[in-house]
Amino acid sequence: MSASSDEPTLDLEAIRRDLEARRDVVSGRVSGLAQRPELGSAQGFGKRIGDGTVEAISRLTEIGVGRSLESGLMRTERALAKLDEGTYGICDRCGATIPAGRLRAMPDSVLCVACAATARRDAPRRR
């Protein structure tokens, strides 16, 4: 990444170490969530209203957390790939330089602010 004269340069090795550490932590959490419960350990929903509700809500929450972690893991892996390619700090969508301040705050950023806002706006809404 070429830095403009008004922004300090980034320590790419420190960013790489940070991203690799994040990747390792998140990978471990994703693996932990992905493990299926042992056979016979899952409770049925039962005949009464509310039976199994806590377990069902807990599992749905874990699924949501897992999806969020997987998304973060993909962003982290993409940022590491960009470091390897020599394109870290360049927006994947428009090719603009991503400001160093954004990269320091969010090292897994692969989109500039404008493209990230467009991507959020255009993303399908989950219900």
C-alpha atoms as a PDB file:
ATOM      1  CA  MET A   1       0.000   0.000   0.000  1.00  0.00           C
ATOM      2  CA  SER A   2       1.343   3.397  -0.838  1.00  0.00           C
ATOM      3  CA  ALA A   3       0.690   5.835   1.962  1.00  0.00           C
ATOM      4  CA  SER A   4      -0.118   9.457   1.362  1.00  0.00           C
ATOM      5  CA  SER A   5       2.256  12.002   2.874  1.00  0.00           C
ATOM      6  CA  ASP A   6      -0.191  13.006   5.625  1.00  0.00           C
ATOM      7  CA  GLU A   7      -0.673   9.457   6.942  1.00  0.00           C
ATOM      8  CA  PRO A   8       1.964   7.418   8.744  1.00  0.00           C
ATOM      9  CA  THR A   9       2.932   4.163   7.065  1.00  0.00           C
ATOM     10  CA  LEU A  10       1.484   0.896   8.280  1.00  0.00           C
ATOM     11  CA  ASP A  11       3.538  -1.819   9.957  1.00  0.00           C
ATOM     12  CA  LEU A  12       2.439  -4.642   7.654  1.00  0.00           C
ATOM     13  CA  GLU A  13       4.254  -7.321   9.660  1.00  0.00           C
ATOM     14  CA  ALA A  14       2.431  -6.258  12.841  1.00  0.00           C
ATOM     15  CA  ILE A  15      -0.854  -6.279  10.924  1.00  0.00           C
ATOM     16  CA  ARG A  16      -0.060  -9.758   9.578  1.00  0.00           C
ATOM     17  CA  ARG A  17       0.668 -11.039  13.111  1.00  0.00           C
ATOM     18  CA  ASP A  18      -2.589  -9.510  14.373  1.00  0.00           C
ATOM     19  CA  LEU A  19      -4.616 -11.011  11.517  1.00  0.00           C
ATOM     20  CA  GLU A  20      -3.006 -14.437  11.963  1.00  0.00           C
ATOM     21  CA  ALA A  21      -3.750 -14.367  15.702  1.00  0.00           C
ATOM     22  CA  ARG A  22      -7.366 -13.362  15.010  1.00  0.00           C
ATOM     23  CA  ARG A  23      -7.671 -16.130  12.422  1.00  0.00           C
ATOM     24  CA  ASP A  24      -6.423 -18.732  14.891  1.00  0.00           C
ATOM     25  CA  VAL A  25      -8.792 -17.612  17.666  1.00  0.00           C
ATOM     26  CA  VAL A  26     -11.836 -17.385  15.399  1.00  0.00           C
ATOM     27  CA  SER A  27     -11.046 -20.715  13.713  1.00  0.00           C
ATOM     28  CA  GLY A  28     -11.013 -22.355  17.122  1.00  0.00           C
ATOM     29  CA  ARG A  29     -14.338 -20.803  18.063  1.00  0.00           C
ATOM     30  CA  VAL A  30     -15.928 -21.814  14.751  1.00  0.00           C
ATOM     31  CA  SER A  31     -14.659 -25.372  15.208  1.00  0.00           C
ATOM     32  CA  GLY A  32     -16.096 -25.469  18.715  1.00  0.00           C
ATOM     33  CA  LEU A  33     -19.501 -24.320  17.505  1.00  0.00           C
ATOM     34  CA  ALA A  34     -19.459 -26.707  14.562  1.00  0.00           C
ATOM     35  CA  GLN A  35     -19.096 -29.791  16.752  1.00  0.00           C
ATOM     36  CA  ARG A  36     -22.349 -31.675  16.840  1.00  0.00           C
ATOM     37  CA  PRO A  37     -23.838 -32.679  20.196  1.00  0.00           C
ATOM     38  CA  GLU A  38     -23.272 -36.276  21.212  1.00  0.00           C
ATOM     39  CA  LEU A  39     -25.991 -38.720  20.235  1.00  0.00           C
ATOM     40  CA  GLY A  40     -28.649 -38.866  22.906  1.00  0.00           C
ATOM     41  CA  SER A  41     -27.610 -35.556  24.447  1.00  0.00           C
ATOM     42  CA  ALA A  42     -30.157 -33.463  22.541  1.00  0.00           C
ATOM     43  CA  GLN A  43     -33.479 -33.024  24.256  1.00  0.00           C
ATOM     44  CA  GLY A  44     -36.758 -33.433  22.435  1.00  0.00           C
ATOM     45  CA  PHE A  45     -39.283 -30.676  22.484  1.00  0.00           C
ATOM     46  CA  GLY A  46     -41.661 -32.639  24.705  1.00  0.00           C
ATOM     47  CA  LYS A  47     -45.411 -32.337  24.980  1.00  0.00           C
ATOM     48  CA  ARG A  48     -45.672 -29.164  27.038  1.00  0.00           C
ATOM     49  CA  ILE A  49     -45.361 -25.656  25.680  1.00  0.00           C
ATOM     50  CA  GLY A  50     -41.866 -24.436  26.397  1.00  0.00           C
ATOM     51  CA  ASP A  51     -40.215 -27.840  26.544  1.00  0.00           C
ATOM     52  CA  GLY A  52     -36.895 -27.514  24.801  1.00  0.00           C
ATOM     53  CA  THR A  53     -37.372 -23.804  24.132  1.00  0.00           C
ATOM     54  CA  VAL A  54     -34.233 -22.771  25.961  1.00  0.00           C
ATOM     55  CA  GLU A  55     -32.202 -25.380  24.106  1.00  0.00           C
ATOM     56  CA  ALA A  56     -33.698 -24.360  20.753  1.00  0.00           C
ATOM     57  CA  ILE A  57     -33.027 -20.666  21.371  1.00  0.00           C
ATOM     58  CA  SER A  58     -29.499 -21.452  22.514  1.00  0.00           C
ATOM     59  CA  ARG A  59     -28.823 -23.484  19.371  1.00  0.00           C
ATOM     60  CA  LEU A  60     -30.256 -20.762  17.110  1.00  0.00           C
ATOM     61  CA  THR A  61     -28.056 -18.217  18.870  1.00  0.00           C
ATOM     62  CA  GLU A  62     -25.028 -20.453  18.329  1.00  0.00           C
ATOM     63  CA  ILE A  63     -25.890 -20.720  14.635  1.00  0.00           C
ATOM     64  CA  GLY A  64     -26.063 -16.918  14.351  1.00  0.00           C
ATOM     65  CA  VAL A  65     -22.789 -16.500  16.205  1.00  0.00           C
ATOM     66  CA  GLY A  66     -21.217 -19.157  13.997  1.00  0.00           C
ATOM     67  CA  ARG A  67     -22.282 -17.349  10.840  1.00  0.00           C
ATOM     68  CA  SER A  68     -20.892 -14.083  12.153  1.00  0.00           C
ATOM     69  CA  LEU A  69     -17.604 -15.747  13.102  1.00  0.00           C
ATOM     70  CA  GLU A  70     -17.346 -17.443   9.701  1.00  0.00           C
ATOM     71  CA  SER A  71     -17.917 -14.110   7.971  1.00  0.00           C
ATOM     72  CA  GLY A  72     -15.173 -12.506  10.062  1.00  0.00           C
ATOM     73  CA  LEU A  73     -12.876 -15.435   9.361  1.00  0.00           C
ATOM     74  CA  MET A  74     -13.410 -15.034   5.606  1.00  0.00           C
ATOM     75  CA  ARG A  75     -12.598 -11.301   5.849  1.00  0.00           C
ATOM     76  CA  THR A  76      -9.455 -12.059   7.856  1.00  0.00           C
ATOM     77  CA  GLU A  77      -8.323 -14.699   5.367  1.00  0.00           C
ATOM     78  CA  ARG A  78      -8.958 -12.296   2.476  1.00  0.00           C
ATOM     79  CA  ALA A  79      -6.899  -9.582   4.177  1.00  0.00           C
ATOM     80  CA  LEU A  80      -4.043 -12.065   4.708  1.00  0.00           C
ATOM     81  CA  ALA A  81      -4.254 -13.074   1.042  1.00  0.00           C
ATOM     82  CA  LYS A  82      -4.053  -9.400   0.042  1.00  0.00           C
ATOM     83  CA  LEU A  83      -0.919  -9.038   2.178  1.00  0.00           C
ATOM     84  CA  ASP A  84       0.579 -12.002   0.307  1.00  0.00           C
ATOM     85  CA  GLU A  85      -0.474 -10.539  -3.062  1.00  0.00           C
ATOM     86  CA  GLY A  86       0.903  -7.102  -2.243  1.00  0.00           C
ATOM     87  CA  THR A  87      -2.541  -5.513  -2.612  1.00  0.00           C
ATOM     88  CA  TYR A  88      -3.306  -4.924   1.080  1.00  0.00           C
ATOM     89  CA  GLY A  89      -4.825  -1.474   1.513  1.00  0.00           C
ATOM     90  CA  ILE A  90      -6.373  -1.418  -1.964  1.00  0.00           C
ATOM     91  CA  CYS A  91     -10.179  -1.651  -2.183  1.00  0.00           C
ATOM     92  CA  ASP A  92     -11.340  -4.943  -3.698  1.00  0.00           C
ATOM     93  CA  ARG A  93     -14.261  -3.223  -5.395  1.00  0.00           C
ATOM     94  CA  CYS A  94     -13.047   0.112  -6.790  1.00  0.00           C
ATOM     95  CA  GLY A  95      -9.255  -0.066  -6.468  1.00  0.00           C
ATOM     96  CA  ALA A  96      -8.996   3.047  -4.293  1.00  0.00           C
ATOM     97  CA  THR A  97      -6.497   3.255  -1.457  1.00  0.00           C
ATOM     98  CA  ILE A  98      -8.043   2.364   1.900  1.00  0.00           C
ATOM     99  CA  PRO A  99      -7.016   4.994   4.483  1.00  0.00           C
ATOM    100  CA  ALA A 100      -4.398   3.838   7.001  1.00  0.00           C
ATOM    101  CA  GLY A 101      -6.667   4.878   9.874  1.00  0.00           C
ATOM    102  CA  ARG A 102      -9.372   2.504   8.665  1.00  0.00           C
ATOM    103  CA  LEU A 103      -6.848  -0.319   8.290  1.00  0.00           C
ATOM    104  CA  ARG A 104      -5.481   0.296  11.788  1.00  0.00           C
ATOM    105  CA  ALA A 105      -9.015   0.249  13.229  1.00  0.00           C
ATOM    106  CA  MET A 106     -10.195  -2.670  11.085  1.00  0.00           C
ATOM    107  CA  PRO A 107      -7.191  -4.634   9.780  1.00  0.00           C
ATOM    108  CA  ASP A 108      -9.486  -7.032   7.909  1.00  0.00           C
ATOM    109  CA  SER A 109     -10.914  -4.217   5.763  1.00  0.00           C
ATOM    110  CA  VAL A 110     -10.817  -5.036   2.061  1.00  0.00           C
ATOM    111  CA  LEU A 111     -13.230  -2.292   0.992  1.00  0.00           C
ATOM    112  CA  CYS A 112     -12.900   1.472   1.225  1.00  0.00           C
ATOM    113  CA  VAL A 113     -15.493   3.342   3.293  1.00  0.00           C
ATOM    114  CA  ALA A 114     -17.665   4.208   0.278  1.00  0.00           C
ATOM    115  CA  CYS A 115     -17.709   0.653  -1.099  1.00  0.00           C
ATOM    116  CA  ALA A 116     -18.327  -0.827   2.368  1.00  0.00           C
ATOM    117  CA  ALA A 117     -21.326   1.487   2.794  1.00  0.00           C
ATOM    118  CA  THR A 118     -22.662   0.474  -0.625  1.00  0.00           C
ATOM    119  CA  ALA A 119     -22.170  -3.215   0.182  1.00  0.00           C
ATOM    120  CA  ARG A 120     -24.064  -2.841   3.490  1.00  0.00           C
ATOM    121  CA  ARG A 121     -26.878  -0.957   1.788  1.00  0.00           C
ATOM    122  CA  ASP A 122     -27.156  -3.503  -1.031  1.00  0.00           C
ATOM    123  CA  ALA A 123     -26.850  -6.583   1.197  1.00  0.00           C
ATOM    124  CA  PRO A 124     -30.029  -8.639   1.512  1.00  0.00           C
ATOM    125  CA  ARG A 125     -31.765  -8.051   4.806  1.00  0.00           C
ATOM    126  CA  ARG A 126     -32.032 -11.018   7.162  1.00  0.00           C
ATOM    127  CA  ARG A 127     -35.203 -11.451   9.073  1.00  0.00           C
END
